[in-house]
Amino acid sequence: MLDRHEAHEELNPKARDPREAGVAAGRPVADREVPLPGVAAADATANVIQQWLDGEASEADARRADARAVDFWMKTSADTDRMRRVKTPSHVMASIMAAIPAKEPSAVPAARLADRPSSEAR
């Protein structure tokens, strides 16, 4: 039995399912595409929101297209600005600096690592 979804290069092309040839030759690709409902409207909305984020459209235009998306991006922008202003507390900074070795670790020659068994090299 031939599976129409797998390639069978080793088979005789005349032995293939005749339905494949009829579909491909009978109609152009565009006739076989199925449009999804609401995709064109979603693309237009996304374009307006993207233009607003890029500074090419006004906030009012973006709100007319999708107020929820505008509110989301406004909240995201406010949260991001707030996070940028956060400073690391001094006690956390001190513990990080204390964990850093005072002296640079010495390099281990690659030849010594190659001589070790793999479990020790890790």
C-alpha atoms as a PDB file:
ATOM      1  CA  MET A   1       0.000   0.000   0.000  1.00  0.00           C
ATOM      2  CA  LEU A   2       1.376   3.412  -0.901  1.00  0.00           C
ATOM      3  CA  ASP A   3       1.403   6.146   1.703  1.00  0.00           C
ATOM      4  CA  ARG A   4       0.648   9.407  -0.102  1.00  0.00           C
ATOM      5  CA  HIS A   5       2.523  11.432   2.541  1.00  0.00           C
ATOM      6  CA  GLU A   6       5.903   9.739   2.243  1.00  0.00           C
ATOM      7  CA  ALA A   7       8.446   9.870  -0.551  1.00  0.00           C
ATOM      8  CA  HIS A   8       8.903   6.652  -2.502  1.00  0.00           C
ATOM      9  CA  GLU A   9      11.731   7.503  -4.851  1.00  0.00           C
ATOM     10  CA  GLU A  10      12.586   3.862  -5.452  1.00  0.00           C
ATOM     11  CA  LEU A  11       9.112   3.073  -6.828  1.00  0.00           C
ATOM     12  CA  ASN A  12       7.997   3.420 -10.407  1.00  0.00           C
ATOM     13  CA  PRO A  13       6.331   6.849 -10.809  1.00  0.00           C
ATOM     14  CA  LYS A  14       3.555   5.266 -12.878  1.00  0.00           C
ATOM     15  CA  ALA A  15       2.696   2.979  -9.959  1.00  0.00           C
ATOM     16  CA  ARG A  16       1.900   5.898  -7.666  1.00  0.00           C
ATOM     17  CA  ASP A  17      -1.593   6.850  -6.628  1.00  0.00           C
ATOM     18  CA  PRO A  18      -3.286   8.586  -9.586  1.00  0.00           C
ATOM     19  CA  ARG A  19      -5.113  10.978  -7.230  1.00  0.00           C
ATOM     20  CA  GLU A  20      -1.829  12.839  -6.555  1.00  0.00           C
ATOM     21  CA  ALA A  21      -1.305  13.771 -10.181  1.00  0.00           C
ATOM     22  CA  GLY A  22      -4.902  14.881 -10.622  1.00  0.00           C
ATOM     23  CA  VAL A  23      -4.806  17.290  -7.690  1.00  0.00           C
ATOM     24  CA  ALA A  24      -1.457  18.813  -8.611  1.00  0.00           C
ATOM     25  CA  ALA A  25      -2.138  19.240 -12.310  1.00  0.00           C
ATOM     26  CA  GLY A  26      -5.850  20.081 -12.125  1.00  0.00           C
ATOM     27  CA  ARG A  27      -5.799  23.140  -9.869  1.00  0.00           C
ATOM     28  CA  PRO A  28      -3.273  25.842  -9.008  1.00  0.00           C
ATOM     29  CA  VAL A  29      -1.884  25.918  -5.467  1.00  0.00           C
ATOM     30  CA  ALA A  30      -3.935  28.985  -4.496  1.00  0.00           C
ATOM     31  CA  ASP A  31      -7.166  27.087  -5.179  1.00  0.00           C
ATOM     32  CA  ARG A  32      -6.171  24.415  -2.697  1.00  0.00           C
ATOM     33  CA  GLU A  33      -5.420  26.817   0.158  1.00  0.00           C
ATOM     34  CA  VAL A  34      -8.081  27.187   2.817  1.00  0.00           C
ATOM     35  CA  PRO A  35      -8.404  30.691   4.272  1.00  0.00           C
ATOM     36  CA  LEU A  36      -8.644  30.832   8.060  1.00  0.00           C
ATOM     37  CA  PRO A  37     -11.431  33.019   9.420  1.00  0.00           C
ATOM     38  CA  GLY A  38     -10.280  36.226  11.098  1.00  0.00           C
ATOM     39  CA  VAL A  39      -6.627  35.986  10.030  1.00  0.00           C
ATOM     40  CA  ALA A  40      -6.774  39.026   7.760  1.00  0.00           C
ATOM     41  CA  ALA A  41      -8.331  41.112  10.540  1.00  0.00           C
ATOM     42  CA  ALA A  42      -5.733  39.871  13.051  1.00  0.00           C
ATOM     43  CA  ASP A  43      -2.911  40.764  10.645  1.00  0.00           C
ATOM     44  CA  ALA A  44      -4.256  44.299  10.221  1.00  0.00           C
ATOM     45  CA  THR A  45      -4.572  44.709  13.997  1.00  0.00           C
ATOM     46  CA  ALA A  46      -1.073  43.400  14.566  1.00  0.00           C
ATOM     47  CA  ASN A  47       0.281  45.793  11.928  1.00  0.00           C
ATOM     48  CA  VAL A  48      -1.298  48.811  13.638  1.00  0.00           C
ATOM     49  CA  ILE A  49       0.050  47.723  17.038  1.00  0.00           C
ATOM     50  CA  GLN A  50       3.520  47.173  15.558  1.00  0.00           C
ATOM     51  CA  GLN A  51       3.434  50.608  13.918  1.00  0.00           C
ATOM     52  CA  TRP A  52       2.510  52.174  17.272  1.00  0.00           C
ATOM     53  CA  LEU A  53       5.361  50.320  19.032  1.00  0.00           C
ATOM     54  CA  ASP A  54       7.742  51.531  16.309  1.00  0.00           C
ATOM     55  CA  GLY A  55       6.527  55.126  16.766  1.00  0.00           C
ATOM     56  CA  GLU A  56       4.916  55.261  13.327  1.00  0.00           C
ATOM     57  CA  ALA A  57       1.273  55.395  14.508  1.00  0.00           C
ATOM     58  CA  SER A  58      -0.515  57.146  17.348  1.00  0.00           C
ATOM     59  CA  GLU A  59      -1.691  55.459  20.524  1.00  0.00           C
ATOM     60  CA  ALA A  60      -5.268  56.377  19.589  1.00  0.00           C
ATOM     61  CA  ASP A  61      -4.958  54.423  16.319  1.00  0.00           C
ATOM     62  CA  ALA A  62      -3.567  51.440  18.193  1.00  0.00           C
ATOM     63  CA  ARG A  63      -6.343  51.607  20.817  1.00  0.00           C
ATOM     64  CA  ARG A  64      -8.965  51.618  18.077  1.00  0.00           C
ATOM     65  CA  ALA A  65      -7.374  48.479  16.642  1.00  0.00           C
ATOM     66  CA  ASP A  66      -6.875  46.582  19.913  1.00  0.00           C
ATOM     67  CA  ALA A  67      -7.138  48.291  23.294  1.00  0.00           C
ATOM     68  CA  ARG A  68      -6.125  45.130  25.194  1.00  0.00           C
ATOM     69  CA  ALA A  69      -2.839  44.884  23.276  1.00  0.00           C
ATOM     70  CA  VAL A  70      -2.107  48.557  23.948  1.00  0.00           C
ATOM     71  CA  ASP A  71      -2.791  48.075  27.672  1.00  0.00           C
ATOM     72  CA  PHE A  72      -0.509  45.010  27.689  1.00  0.00           C
ATOM     73  CA  TRP A  73       2.373  46.858  26.042  1.00  0.00           C
ATOM     74  CA  MET A  74       1.893  49.945  28.249  1.00  0.00           C
ATOM     75  CA  LYS A  75       2.054  47.720  31.363  1.00  0.00           C
ATOM     76  CA  THR A  76       5.080  45.885  29.945  1.00  0.00           C
ATOM     77  CA  SER A  77       6.838  49.185  29.309  1.00  0.00           C
ATOM     78  CA  ALA A  78       6.087  50.455  32.828  1.00  0.00           C
ATOM     79  CA  ASP A  79       7.287  47.188  34.408  1.00  0.00           C
ATOM     80  CA  THR A  80      10.468  47.219  32.324  1.00  0.00           C
ATOM     81  CA  ASP A  81      11.227  50.826  33.286  1.00  0.00           C
ATOM     82  CA  ARG A  82      10.676  49.989  36.960  1.00  0.00           C
ATOM     83  CA  MET A  83      12.988  46.950  36.732  1.00  0.00           C
ATOM     84  CA  ARG A  84      15.715  49.046  35.096  1.00  0.00           C
ATOM     85  CA  ARG A  85      15.749  51.377  38.116  1.00  0.00           C
ATOM     86  CA  VAL A  86      16.149  48.536  40.660  1.00  0.00           C
ATOM     87  CA  LYS A  87      19.544  48.497  42.351  1.00  0.00           C
ATOM     88  CA  THR A  88      21.195  45.458  43.902  1.00  0.00           C
ATOM     89  CA  PRO A  89      21.166  45.728  47.714  1.00  0.00           C
ATOM     90  CA  SER A  90      24.596  46.329  49.245  1.00  0.00           C
ATOM     91  CA  HIS A  91      24.555  43.116  51.321  1.00  0.00           C
ATOM     92  CA  VAL A  92      23.893  41.039  48.178  1.00  0.00           C
ATOM     93  CA  MET A  93      26.677  42.839  46.311  1.00  0.00           C
ATOM     94  CA  ALA A  94      29.034  42.221  49.260  1.00  0.00           C
ATOM     95  CA  SER A  95      28.267  38.480  49.331  1.00  0.00           C
ATOM     96  CA  ILE A  96      28.849  38.232  45.571  1.00  0.00           C
ATOM     97  CA  MET A  97      32.182  40.018  45.820  1.00  0.00           C
ATOM     98  CA  ALA A  98      33.197  37.838  48.804  1.00  0.00           C
ATOM     99  CA  ALA A  99      32.530  34.688  46.757  1.00  0.00           C
ATOM    100  CA  ILE A 100      34.954  35.781  44.006  1.00  0.00           C
ATOM    101  CA  PRO A 101      38.448  34.373  44.632  1.00  0.00           C
ATOM    102  CA  ALA A 102      41.019  36.997  45.581  1.00  0.00           C
ATOM    103  CA  LYS A 103      43.663  35.417  43.393  1.00  0.00           C
ATOM    104  CA  GLU A 104      43.210  34.283  39.815  1.00  0.00           C
ATOM    105  CA  PRO A 105      43.174  30.454  39.685  1.00  0.00           C
ATOM    106  CA  SER A 106      46.206  28.899  38.069  1.00  0.00           C
ATOM    107  CA  ALA A 107      45.709  27.391  34.663  1.00  0.00           C
ATOM    108  CA  VAL A 108      45.924  23.612  34.439  1.00  0.00           C
ATOM    109  CA  PRO A 109      47.993  22.520  31.443  1.00  0.00           C
ATOM    110  CA  ALA A 110      45.944  20.708  28.815  1.00  0.00           C
ATOM    111  CA  ALA A 111      48.431  17.810  28.787  1.00  0.00           C
ATOM    112  CA  ARG A 112      47.692  17.060  32.451  1.00  0.00           C
ATOM    113  CA  LEU A 113      43.968  17.013  31.763  1.00  0.00           C
ATOM    114  CA  ALA A 114      44.418  14.632  28.829  1.00  0.00           C
ATOM    115  CA  ASP A 115      46.304  12.131  31.041  1.00  0.00           C
ATOM    116  CA  ARG A 116      43.454  11.876  33.540  1.00  0.00           C
ATOM    117  CA  PRO A 117      40.578   9.424  33.176  1.00  0.00           C
ATOM    118  CA  SER A 118      37.407  11.119  31.949  1.00  0.00           C
ATOM    119  CA  SER A 119      35.689  10.946  35.370  1.00  0.00           C
ATOM    120  CA  GLU A 120      38.507  12.950  37.015  1.00  0.00           C
ATOM    121  CA  ALA A 121      38.744  15.553  34.237  1.00  0.00           C
ATOM    122  CA  ARG A 122      35.271  16.866  34.991  1.00  0.00           C
END
